[in-house]
All heavy atoms as atom14 arrays in JSON, in Angstrom:
{
  "sequence": "LARLKSIGINTVSVKIPKSSEEEIKNIFHSSNQTKWAYHYEQA",
  "atom14_mask": [
    [1, 1, 1, 1, 1, 1, 1, 1, 0, 0, 0, 0, 0, 0],
    [1, 1, 1, 1, 1, 0, 0, 0, 0, 0, 0, 0, 0, 0],
    [1, 1, 1, 1, 1, 1, 1, 1, 1, 1, 1, 0, 0, 0],
    [1, 1, 1, 1, 1, 1, 1, 1, 0, 0, 0, 0, 0, 0],
    [1, 1, 1, 1, 1, 1, 1, 1, 1, 0, 0, 0, 0, 0],
    [1, 1, 1, 1, 1, 1, 0, 0, 0, 0, 0, 0, 0, 0],
    [1, 1, 1, 1, 1, 1, 1, 1, 0, 0, 0, 0, 0, 0],
    [1, 1, 1, 1, 0, 0, 0, 0, 0, 0, 0, 0, 0, 0],
    [1, 1, 1, 1, 1, 1, 1, 1, 0, 0, 0, 0, 0, 0],
    [1, 1, 1, 1, 1, 1, 1, 1, 0, 0, 0, 0, 0, 0],
    [1, 1, 1, 1, 1, 1, 1, 0, 0, 0, 0, 0, 0, 0],
    [1, 1, 1, 1, 1, 1, 1, 0, 0, 0, 0, 0, 0, 0],
    [1, 1, 1, 1, 1, 1, 0, 0, 0, 0, 0, 0, 0, 0],
    [1, 1, 1, 1, 1, 1, 1, 0, 0, 0, 0, 0, 0, 0],
    [1, 1, 1, 1, 1, 1, 1, 1, 1, 0, 0, 0, 0, 0],
    [1, 1, 1, 1, 1, 1, 1, 1, 0, 0, 0, 0, 0, 0],
    [1, 1, 1, 1, 1, 1, 1, 0, 0, 0, 0, 0, 0, 0],
    [1, 1, 1, 1, 1, 1, 1, 1, 1, 0, 0, 0, 0, 0],
    [1, 1, 1, 1, 1, 1, 0, 0, 0, 0, 0, 0, 0, 0],
    [1, 1, 1, 1, 1, 1, 0, 0, 0, 0, 0, 0, 0, 0],
    [1, 1, 1, 1, 1, 1, 1, 1, 1, 0, 0, 0, 0, 0],
    [1, 1, 1, 1, 1, 1, 1, 1, 1, 0, 0, 0, 0, 0],
    [1, 1, 1, 1, 1, 1, 1, 1, 1, 0, 0, 0, 0, 0],
    [1, 1, 1, 1, 1, 1, 1, 1, 0, 0, 0, 0, 0, 0],
    [1, 1, 1, 1, 1, 1, 1, 1, 1, 0, 0, 0, 0, 0],
    [1, 1, 1, 1, 1, 1, 1, 1, 0, 0, 0, 0, 0, 0],
    [1, 1, 1, 1, 1, 1, 1, 1, 0, 0, 0, 0, 0, 0],
    [1, 1, 1, 1, 1, 1, 1, 1, 1, 1, 1, 0, 0, 0],
    [1, 1, 1, 1, 1, 1, 1, 1, 1, 1, 0, 0, 0, 0],
    [1, 1, 1, 1, 1, 1, 0, 0, 0, 0, 0, 0, 0, 0],
    [1, 1, 1, 1, 1, 1, 0, 0, 0, 0, 0, 0, 0, 0],
    [1, 1, 1, 1, 1, 1, 1, 1, 0, 0, 0, 0, 0, 0],
    [1, 1, 1, 1, 1, 1, 1, 1, 1, 0, 0, 0, 0, 0],
    [1, 1, 1, 1, 1, 1, 1, 0, 0, 0, 0, 0, 0, 0],
    [1, 1, 1, 1, 1, 1, 1, 1, 1, 0, 0, 0, 0, 0],
    [1, 1, 1, 1, 1, 1, 1, 1, 1, 1, 1, 1, 1, 1],
    [1, 1, 1, 1, 1, 0, 0, 0, 0, 0, 0, 0, 0, 0],
    [1, 1, 1, 1, 1, 1, 1, 1, 1, 1, 1, 1, 0, 0],
    [1, 1, 1, 1, 1, 1, 1, 1, 1, 1, 0, 0, 0, 0],
    [1, 1, 1, 1, 1, 1, 1, 1, 1, 1, 1, 1, 0, 0],
    [1, 1, 1, 1, 1, 1, 1, 1, 1, 0, 0, 0, 0, 0],
    [1, 1, 1, 1, 1, 1, 1, 1, 1, 0, 0, 0, 0, 0],
    [1, 1, 1, 1, 1, 0, 0, 0, 0, 0, 0, 0, 0, 0]
  ],
  "atom14_positions": [
    [[-48.95, 79.47, -29.39], [-49.13, 78.46, -28.27], [-50.27, 77.51, -28.79], [-50.13, 76.33, -28.64], [-49.55, 79.16, -27.04], [-49.67, 78.28, -25.87], [-48.39, 77.48, -25.6], [-50.16, 79.07, -24.59], [0.0, 0.0, 0.0], [0.0, 0.0, 0.0], [0.0, 0.0, 0.0], [0.0, 0.0, 0.0], [0.0, 0.0, 0.0], [0.0, 0.0, 0.0]],
    [[-51.31, 77.91, -29.37], [-52.36, 77.03, -29.85], [-51.85, 76.04, -30.92], [-52.14, 74.86, -30.93], [-53.54, 77.92, -30.42], [0.0, 0.0, 0.0], [0.0, 0.0, 0.0], [0.0, 0.0, 0.0], [0.0, 0.0, 0.0], [0.0, 0.0, 0.0], [0.0, 0.0, 0.0], [0.0, 0.0, 0.0], [0.0, 0.0, 0.0], [0.0, 0.0, 0.0]],
    [[-50.97, 76.6, -31.83], [-50.44, 75.82, -32.87], [-49.54, 74.76, -32.27], [-49.39, 73.67, -32.7], [-49.74, 76.65, -33.83], [-50.54, 77.51, -34.68], [-49.86, 78.26, -35.71], [-50.79, 79.11, -36.52], [-50.53, 79.42, -37.74], [-49.4, 79.08, -38.3], [-51.41, 80.18, -38.36], [0.0, 0.0, 0.0], [0.0, 0.0, 0.0], [0.0, 0.0, 0.0]],
    [[-48.65, 75.15, -31.24], [-47.79, 74.31, -30.66], [-48.6, 73.14, -29.95], [-48.15, 71.97, -30.02], [-46.9, 75.02, -29.54], [-45.87, 75.93, -30.09], [-45.38, 76.94, -29.02], [-44.73, 75.23, -30.76], [0.0, 0.0, 0.0], [0.0, 0.0, 0.0], [0.0, 0.0, 0.0], [0.0, 0.0, 0.0], [0.0, 0.0, 0.0], [0.0, 0.0, 0.0]],
    [[-49.65, 73.48, -29.25], [-50.45, 72.41, -28.63], [-51.01, 71.44, -29.65], [-51.11, 70.29, -29.42], [-51.59, 73.14, -27.8], [-51.14, 73.76, -26.56], [-52.23, 74.45, -25.82], [-51.84, 75.15, -24.63], [-52.83, 75.74, -23.8], [0.0, 0.0, 0.0], [0.0, 0.0, 0.0], [0.0, 0.0, 0.0], [0.0, 0.0, 0.0], [0.0, 0.0, 0.0]],
    [[-51.37, 71.91, -30.86], [-51.91, 71.1, -31.83], [-50.91, 70.1, -32.39], [-51.19, 69.05, -32.79], [-52.64, 71.83, -32.97], [-51.64, 72.54, -33.79], [0.0, 0.0, 0.0], [0.0, 0.0, 0.0], [0.0, 0.0, 0.0], [0.0, 0.0, 0.0], [0.0, 0.0, 0.0], [0.0, 0.0, 0.0], [0.0, 0.0, 0.0], [0.0, 0.0, 0.0]],
    [[-49.59, 70.51, -32.38], [-48.64, 69.6, -32.75], [-48.34, 68.54, -31.77], [-48.01, 67.37, -32.19], [-47.3, 70.47, -33.08], [-47.57, 71.39, -34.27], [-46.08, 69.53, -33.5], [-46.55, 72.47, -34.46], [0.0, 0.0, 0.0], [0.0, 0.0, 0.0], [0.0, 0.0, 0.0], [0.0, 0.0, 0.0], [0.0, 0.0, 0.0], [0.0, 0.0, 0.0]],
    [[-48.33, 68.84, -30.49], [-48.19, 67.91, -29.48], [-46.74, 67.61, -29.05], [-46.42, 66.66, -28.56], [0.0, 0.0, 0.0], [0.0, 0.0, 0.0], [0.0, 0.0, 0.0], [0.0, 0.0, 0.0], [0.0, 0.0, 0.0], [0.0, 0.0, 0.0], [0.0, 0.0, 0.0], [0.0, 0.0, 0.0], [0.0, 0.0, 0.0], [0.0, 0.0, 0.0]],
    [[-45.81, 68.48, -29.49], [-44.35, 68.38, -29.05], [-44.12, 69.09, -27.85], [-44.51, 70.35, -27.79], [-43.44, 68.79, -30.28], [-43.7, 68.04, -31.53], [-41.93, 68.7, -29.86], [-43.36, 66.51, -31.52], [0.0, 0.0, 0.0], [0.0, 0.0, 0.0], [0.0, 0.0, 0.0], [0.0, 0.0, 0.0], [0.0, 0.0, 0.0], [0.0, 0.0, 0.0]],
    [[-43.42, 68.71, -26.86], [-43.03, 69.45, -25.73], [-42.3, 70.64, -26.04], [-41.37, 70.65, -26.94], [-42.2, 68.56, -24.75], [-42.93, 67.39, -24.14], [-44.15, 67.43, -24.11], [-42.19, 66.46, -23.56], [0.0, 0.0, 0.0], [0.0, 0.0, 0.0], [0.0, 0.0, 0.0], [0.0, 0.0, 0.0], [0.0, 0.0, 0.0], [0.0, 0.0, 0.0]],
    [[-42.63, 71.78, -25.35], [-42.07, 73.07, -25.81], [-41.8, 73.91, -24.53], [-42.58, 73.98, -23.59], [-43.11, 73.94, -26.67], [-43.41, 73.15, -27.84], [-42.5, 75.28, -27.06], [0.0, 0.0, 0.0], [0.0, 0.0, 0.0], [0.0, 0.0, 0.0], [0.0, 0.0, 0.0], [0.0, 0.0, 0.0], [0.0, 0.0, 0.0], [0.0, 0.0, 0.0]],
    [[-40.57, 74.4, -24.5], [-40.2, 75.32, -23.41], [-39.91, 76.74, -23.96], [-39.46, 76.8, -25.11], [-39.04, 74.75, -22.55], [-39.34, 73.5, -21.83], [-37.75, 74.53, -23.44], [0.0, 0.0, 0.0], [0.0, 0.0, 0.0], [0.0, 0.0, 0.0], [0.0, 0.0, 0.0], [0.0, 0.0, 0.0], [0.0, 0.0, 0.0], [0.0, 0.0, 0.0]],
    [[-40.11, 77.7, -23.09], [-39.59, 79.09, -23.42], [-38.55, 79.43, -22.37], [-38.6, 79.06, -21.27], [-40.77, 80.12, -23.37], [-41.34, 80.2, -22.12], [0.0, 0.0, 0.0], [0.0, 0.0, 0.0], [0.0, 0.0, 0.0], [0.0, 0.0, 0.0], [0.0, 0.0, 0.0], [0.0, 0.0, 0.0], [0.0, 0.0, 0.0], [0.0, 0.0, 0.0]],
    [[-37.46, 80.07, -22.91], [-36.35, 80.32, -22.11], [-36.09, 81.85, -22.24], [-35.92, 82.43, -23.19], [-34.99, 79.64, -22.51], [-33.8, 79.92, -21.61], [-35.25, 78.09, -22.67], [0.0, 0.0, 0.0], [0.0, 0.0, 0.0], [0.0, 0.0, 0.0], [0.0, 0.0, 0.0], [0.0, 0.0, 0.0], [0.0, 0.0, 0.0], [0.0, 0.0, 0.0]],
    [[-36.09, 82.55, -20.97], [-35.77, 83.84, -21.02], [-34.38, 84.16, -21.02], [-33.61, 83.75, -20.1], [-36.47, 84.56, -19.7], [-36.33, 86.02, -19.8], [-37.09, 86.67, -18.56], [-36.93, 88.17, -18.55], [-37.54, 88.72, -17.38], [0.0, 0.0, 0.0], [0.0, 0.0, 0.0], [0.0, 0.0, 0.0], [0.0, 0.0, 0.0], [0.0, 0.0, 0.0]],
    [[-33.88, 84.8, -22.03], [-32.51, 85.19, -22.26], [-32.15, 86.5, -21.56], [-32.76, 87.51, -21.9], [-32.11, 85.34, -23.7], [-32.57, 84.04, -24.6], [-30.68, 85.63, -24.01], [-31.79, 82.8, -24.22], [0.0, 0.0, 0.0], [0.0, 0.0, 0.0], [0.0, 0.0, 0.0], [0.0, 0.0, 0.0], [0.0, 0.0, 0.0], [0.0, 0.0, 0.0]],
    [[-31.22, 86.43, -20.54], [-30.93, 87.52, -19.68], [-30.14, 88.58, -20.51], [-29.34, 88.21, -21.41], [-30.19, 86.96, -18.56], [-29.48, 85.76, -19.11], [-30.39, 85.21, -20.07], [0.0, 0.0, 0.0], [0.0, 0.0, 0.0], [0.0, 0.0, 0.0], [0.0, 0.0, 0.0], [0.0, 0.0, 0.0], [0.0, 0.0, 0.0], [0.0, 0.0, 0.0]],
    [[-30.11, 89.81, -20.01], [-29.25, 90.85, -20.54], [-27.96, 90.87, -19.72], [-27.74, 91.69, -18.83], [-29.93, 92.25, -20.5], [-31.11, 92.46, -21.37], [-31.64, 93.78, -21.31], [-32.87, 93.95, -22.1], [-33.47, 95.34, -21.97], [0.0, 0.0, 0.0], [0.0, 0.0, 0.0], [0.0, 0.0, 0.0], [0.0, 0.0, 0.0], [0.0, 0.0, 0.0]],
    [[-27.04, 89.84, -20.03], [-25.92, 89.73, -19.17], [-24.75, 89.16, -20.02], [-24.82, 89.14, -21.26], [-26.18, 88.85, -17.95], [-27.1, 87.97, -18.17], [0.0, 0.0, 0.0], [0.0, 0.0, 0.0], [0.0, 0.0, 0.0], [0.0, 0.0, 0.0], [0.0, 0.0, 0.0], [0.0, 0.0, 0.0], [0.0, 0.0, 0.0], [0.0, 0.0, 0.0]],
    [[-23.74, 88.76, -19.4], [-22.5, 88.31, -20.11], [-22.86, 86.98, -20.95], [-23.77, 86.23, -20.64], [-21.41, 88.0, -19.07], [-21.76, 86.9, -18.3], [0.0, 0.0, 0.0], [0.0, 0.0, 0.0], [0.0, 0.0, 0.0], [0.0, 0.0, 0.0], [0.0, 0.0, 0.0], [0.0, 0.0, 0.0], [0.0, 0.0, 0.0], [0.0, 0.0, 0.0]],
    [[-21.85, 86.58, -21.84], [-22.04, 85.32, -22.65], [-22.12, 84.12, -21.59], [-22.89, 83.2, -21.85], [-20.91, 85.22, -23.58], [-21.01, 86.28, -24.75], [-19.9, 86.01, -25.74], [-19.25, 85.01, -25.83], [-19.78, 86.88, -26.68], [0.0, 0.0, 0.0], [0.0, 0.0, 0.0], [0.0, 0.0, 0.0], [0.0, 0.0, 0.0], [0.0, 0.0, 0.0]],
    [[-21.24, 84.19, -20.61], [-21.06, 83.13, -19.72], [-22.49, 82.91, -18.96], [-22.89, 81.83, -18.82], [-20.01, 83.23, -18.73], [-19.7, 82.08, -17.87], [-19.16, 80.84, -18.66], [-18.54, 81.04, -19.54], [-19.43, 79.81, -18.14], [0.0, 0.0, 0.0], [0.0, 0.0, 0.0], [0.0, 0.0, 0.0], [0.0, 0.0, 0.0], [0.0, 0.0, 0.0]],
    [[-23.11, 83.99, -18.53], [-24.3, 83.9, -17.82], [-25.42, 83.39, -18.63], [-26.41, 82.68, -18.25], [-24.72, 85.2, -17.2], [-23.81, 85.52, -16.0], [-24.17, 86.91, -15.48], [-25.48, 87.15, -15.24], [-23.23, 87.5, -14.99], [0.0, 0.0, 0.0], [0.0, 0.0, 0.0], [0.0, 0.0, 0.0], [0.0, 0.0, 0.0], [0.0, 0.0, 0.0]],
    [[-25.37, 83.83, -19.93], [-26.38, 83.38, -20.95], [-26.28, 81.85, -21.27], [-27.16, 81.14, -21.25], [-26.27, 84.09, -22.31], [-26.81, 85.51, -22.11], [-27.07, 83.43, -23.32], [-26.48, 86.54, -23.28], [0.0, 0.0, 0.0], [0.0, 0.0, 0.0], [0.0, 0.0, 0.0], [0.0, 0.0, 0.0], [0.0, 0.0, 0.0], [0.0, 0.0, 0.0]],
    [[-24.95, 81.37, -21.29], [-24.85, 79.96, -21.49], [-25.21, 79.16, -20.22], [-25.78, 77.98, -20.35], [-23.25, 79.61, -21.73], [-22.96, 78.31, -22.06], [-21.49, 78.19, -22.51], [-21.18, 76.74, -23.05], [-19.76, 76.68, -23.45], [0.0, 0.0, 0.0], [0.0, 0.0, 0.0], [0.0, 0.0, 0.0], [0.0, 0.0, 0.0], [0.0, 0.0, 0.0]],
    [[-25.09, 79.75, -19.05], [-25.35, 78.98, -17.8], [-26.84, 78.88, -17.59], [-27.29, 77.93, -16.85], [-24.77, 79.68, -16.73], [-23.32, 79.45, -16.48], [-22.73, 78.52, -17.05], [-22.58, 80.4, -15.86], [0.0, 0.0, 0.0], [0.0, 0.0, 0.0], [0.0, 0.0, 0.0], [0.0, 0.0, 0.0], [0.0, 0.0, 0.0], [0.0, 0.0, 0.0]],
    [[-27.7, 79.59, -18.34], [-29.21, 79.48, -18.09], [-29.69, 78.22, -18.55], [-30.71, 77.73, -18.14], [-29.97, 80.68, -18.79], [-29.89, 80.71, -20.23], [-29.74, 81.99, -18.11], [-30.89, 81.47, -20.98], [0.0, 0.0, 0.0], [0.0, 0.0, 0.0], [0.0, 0.0, 0.0], [0.0, 0.0, 0.0], [0.0, 0.0, 0.0], [0.0, 0.0, 0.0]],
    [[-28.94, 77.47, -19.45], [-29.44, 76.24, -19.98], [-29.1, 75.1, -19.07], [-29.46, 73.97, -19.33], [-28.73, 75.94, -21.39], [-29.12, 77.12, -22.32], [-28.26, 77.95, -22.94], [-30.5, 77.3, -22.74], [-28.65, 78.93, -23.76], [-30.92, 78.3, -23.56], [-29.93, 79.1, -24.14], [0.0, 0.0, 0.0], [0.0, 0.0, 0.0], [0.0, 0.0, 0.0]],
    [[-28.24, 75.39, -17.97], [-27.97, 74.3, -16.9], [-28.91, 74.53, -15.69], [-28.62, 73.9, -14.69], [-26.49, 74.53, -16.63], [-25.59, 74.19, -17.55], [-25.42, 72.86, -18.11], [-24.7, 74.94, -18.37], [-24.55, 72.94, -19.08], [-24.15, 74.11, -19.32], [0.0, 0.0, 0.0], [0.0, 0.0, 0.0], [0.0, 0.0, 0.0], [0.0, 0.0, 0.0]],
    [[-29.78, 75.56, -15.74], [-30.65, 75.79, -14.59], [-32.08, 75.92, -15.18], [-32.25, 76.42, -16.33], [-30.27, 77.1, -13.92], [-31.27, 77.51, -13.05], [0.0, 0.0, 0.0], [0.0, 0.0, 0.0], [0.0, 0.0, 0.0], [0.0, 0.0, 0.0], [0.0, 0.0, 0.0], [0.0, 0.0, 0.0], [0.0, 0.0, 0.0], [0.0, 0.0, 0.0]],
    [[-33.12, 75.57, -14.42], [-34.53, 75.75, -15.02], [-35.19, 77.05, -14.49], [-36.29, 77.23, -14.72], [-35.4, 74.48, -14.56], [-35.45, 74.34, -13.1], [0.0, 0.0, 0.0], [0.0, 0.0, 0.0], [0.0, 0.0, 0.0], [0.0, 0.0, 0.0], [0.0, 0.0, 0.0], [0.0, 0.0, 0.0], [0.0, 0.0, 0.0], [0.0, 0.0, 0.0]],
    [[-34.32, 77.84, -13.83], [-34.94, 79.15, -13.31], [-35.53, 80.09, -14.32], [-36.49, 80.7, -14.14], [-33.89, 79.83, -12.49], [-33.42, 79.16, -11.35], [-34.18, 78.21, -10.85], [-32.3, 79.45, -10.77], [0.0, 0.0, 0.0], [0.0, 0.0, 0.0], [0.0, 0.0, 0.0], [0.0, 0.0, 0.0], [0.0, 0.0, 0.0], [0.0, 0.0, 0.0]],
    [[-34.98, 80.13, -15.53], [-35.48, 80.99, -16.57], [-36.26, 80.38, -17.63], [-36.57, 80.82, -18.76], [-34.3, 81.77, -17.27], [-33.48, 82.66, -16.25], [-34.35, 83.75, -15.8], [-35.21, 84.39, -16.47], [-34.26, 84.09, -14.43], [0.0, 0.0, 0.0], [0.0, 0.0, 0.0], [0.0, 0.0, 0.0], [0.0, 0.0, 0.0], [0.0, 0.0, 0.0]],
    [[-36.55, 78.99, -17.37], [-37.16, 78.13, -18.29], [-38.63, 77.66, -17.83], [-38.8, 77.47, -16.73], [-36.3, 76.83, -18.61], [-35.09, 77.26, -18.95], [-37.03, 76.02, -19.68], [0.0, 0.0, 0.0], [0.0, 0.0, 0.0], [0.0, 0.0, 0.0], [0.0, 0.0, 0.0], [0.0, 0.0, 0.0], [0.0, 0.0, 0.0], [0.0, 0.0, 0.0]],
    [[-39.58, 77.84, -18.75], [-41.07, 77.61, -18.45], [-41.51, 76.56, -19.49], [-41.08, 76.67, -20.62], [-41.89, 78.84, -18.34], [-41.45, 79.65, -17.19], [-42.41, 80.86, -17.12], [-41.96, 81.68, -15.91], [-42.85, 82.84, -15.71], [0.0, 0.0, 0.0], [0.0, 0.0, 0.0], [0.0, 0.0, 0.0], [0.0, 0.0, 0.0], [0.0, 0.0, 0.0]],
    [[-42.44, 75.7, -19.06], [-43.13, 74.92, -20.04], [-44.19, 75.72, -20.72], [-45.06, 76.31, -20.05], [-43.81, 73.62, -19.34], [-42.85, 72.64, -18.86], [-42.5, 72.29, -17.66], [-42.18, 71.75, -19.76], [-41.57, 71.39, -17.57], [-41.38, 70.98, -18.92], [-42.1, 71.51, -21.1], [-40.56, 69.87, -19.43], [-41.3, 70.58, -21.57], [-40.5, 69.73, -20.79]],
    [[-44.13, 75.93, -22.06], [-45.11, 76.36, -22.84], [-46.19, 75.35, -23.04], [-47.43, 75.59, -23.13], [-44.57, 76.98, -24.19], [0.0, 0.0, 0.0], [0.0, 0.0, 0.0], [0.0, 0.0, 0.0], [0.0, 0.0, 0.0], [0.0, 0.0, 0.0], [0.0, 0.0, 0.0], [0.0, 0.0, 0.0], [0.0, 0.0, 0.0], [0.0, 0.0, 0.0]],
    [[-45.73, 74.18, -23.34], [-46.6, 72.97, -23.59], [-45.92, 71.69, -23.19], [-44.72, 71.54, -23.46], [-46.93, 72.88, -24.98], [-47.85, 71.58, -25.31], [-49.1, 71.51, -24.92], [-47.19, 70.59, -25.84], [-49.78, 70.34, -25.19], [-47.87, 69.31, -26.17], [-49.17, 69.29, -25.67], [-49.87, 68.08, -25.94], [0.0, 0.0, 0.0], [0.0, 0.0, 0.0]],
    [[-46.56, 70.87, -22.38], [-45.97, 69.65, -21.99], [-46.99, 68.53, -22.19], [-48.04, 68.54, -21.55], [-45.55, 69.54, -20.58], [-44.82, 68.5, -20.1], [-45.28, 67.19, -19.74], [-43.5, 68.32, -19.98], [-44.4, 66.36, -19.55], [-43.18, 67.01, -19.56], [0.0, 0.0, 0.0], [0.0, 0.0, 0.0], [0.0, 0.0, 0.0], [0.0, 0.0, 0.0]],
    [[-46.71, 67.64, -23.21], [-47.74, 66.59, -23.6], [-48.17, 65.8, -22.35], [-49.37, 65.52, -22.33], [-47.03, 65.65, -24.66], [-48.06, 64.61, -25.09], [-49.06, 64.92, -25.96], [-47.94, 63.42, -24.58], [-49.98, 63.87, -26.3], [-48.71, 62.3, -24.89], [-49.81, 62.62, -25.79], [-50.67, 61.66, -26.2], [0.0, 0.0, 0.0], [0.0, 0.0, 0.0]],
    [[-47.36, 65.16, -21.59], [-47.69, 64.44, -20.55], [-48.63, 65.08, -19.54], [-49.61, 64.54, -19.01], [-46.48, 63.74, -19.86], [-46.92, 62.74, -18.81], [-45.57, 62.04, -18.24], [-44.5, 62.47, -18.5], [-45.88, 60.98, -17.47], [0.0, 0.0, 0.0], [0.0, 0.0, 0.0], [0.0, 0.0, 0.0], [0.0, 0.0, 0.0], [0.0, 0.0, 0.0]],
    [[-48.27, 66.37, -19.16], [-49.04, 67.09, -18.23], [-50.36, 67.46, -18.91], [-51.27, 67.42, -18.16], [-48.16, 68.33, -17.76], [-48.88, 69.12, -16.69], [-48.06, 70.3, -16.18], [-47.29, 70.83, -17.07], [-48.07, 70.52, -14.96], [0.0, 0.0, 0.0], [0.0, 0.0, 0.0], [0.0, 0.0, 0.0], [0.0, 0.0, 0.0], [0.0, 0.0, 0.0]],
    [[-50.39, 67.84, -20.01], [-51.61, 68.21, -20.8], [-52.65, 67.03, -20.93], [-53.85, 67.22, -20.92], [-51.29, 68.82, -22.16], [0.0, 0.0, 0.0], [0.0, 0.0, 0.0], [0.0, 0.0, 0.0], [0.0, 0.0, 0.0], [0.0, 0.0, 0.0], [0.0, 0.0, 0.0], [0.0, 0.0, 0.0], [0.0, 0.0, 0.0], [0.0, 0.0, 0.0]]
  ]
}
């Protein structure tokens, strides 16, 4: 995380569920399992 912040590129972490392929694909269409690890504008 410290290295990511030093680079200054927006970074998200996405929790991949233990579920079907379709459900795994669908997580990229929702922000429920996605968190900002680093966001330049916010920081």
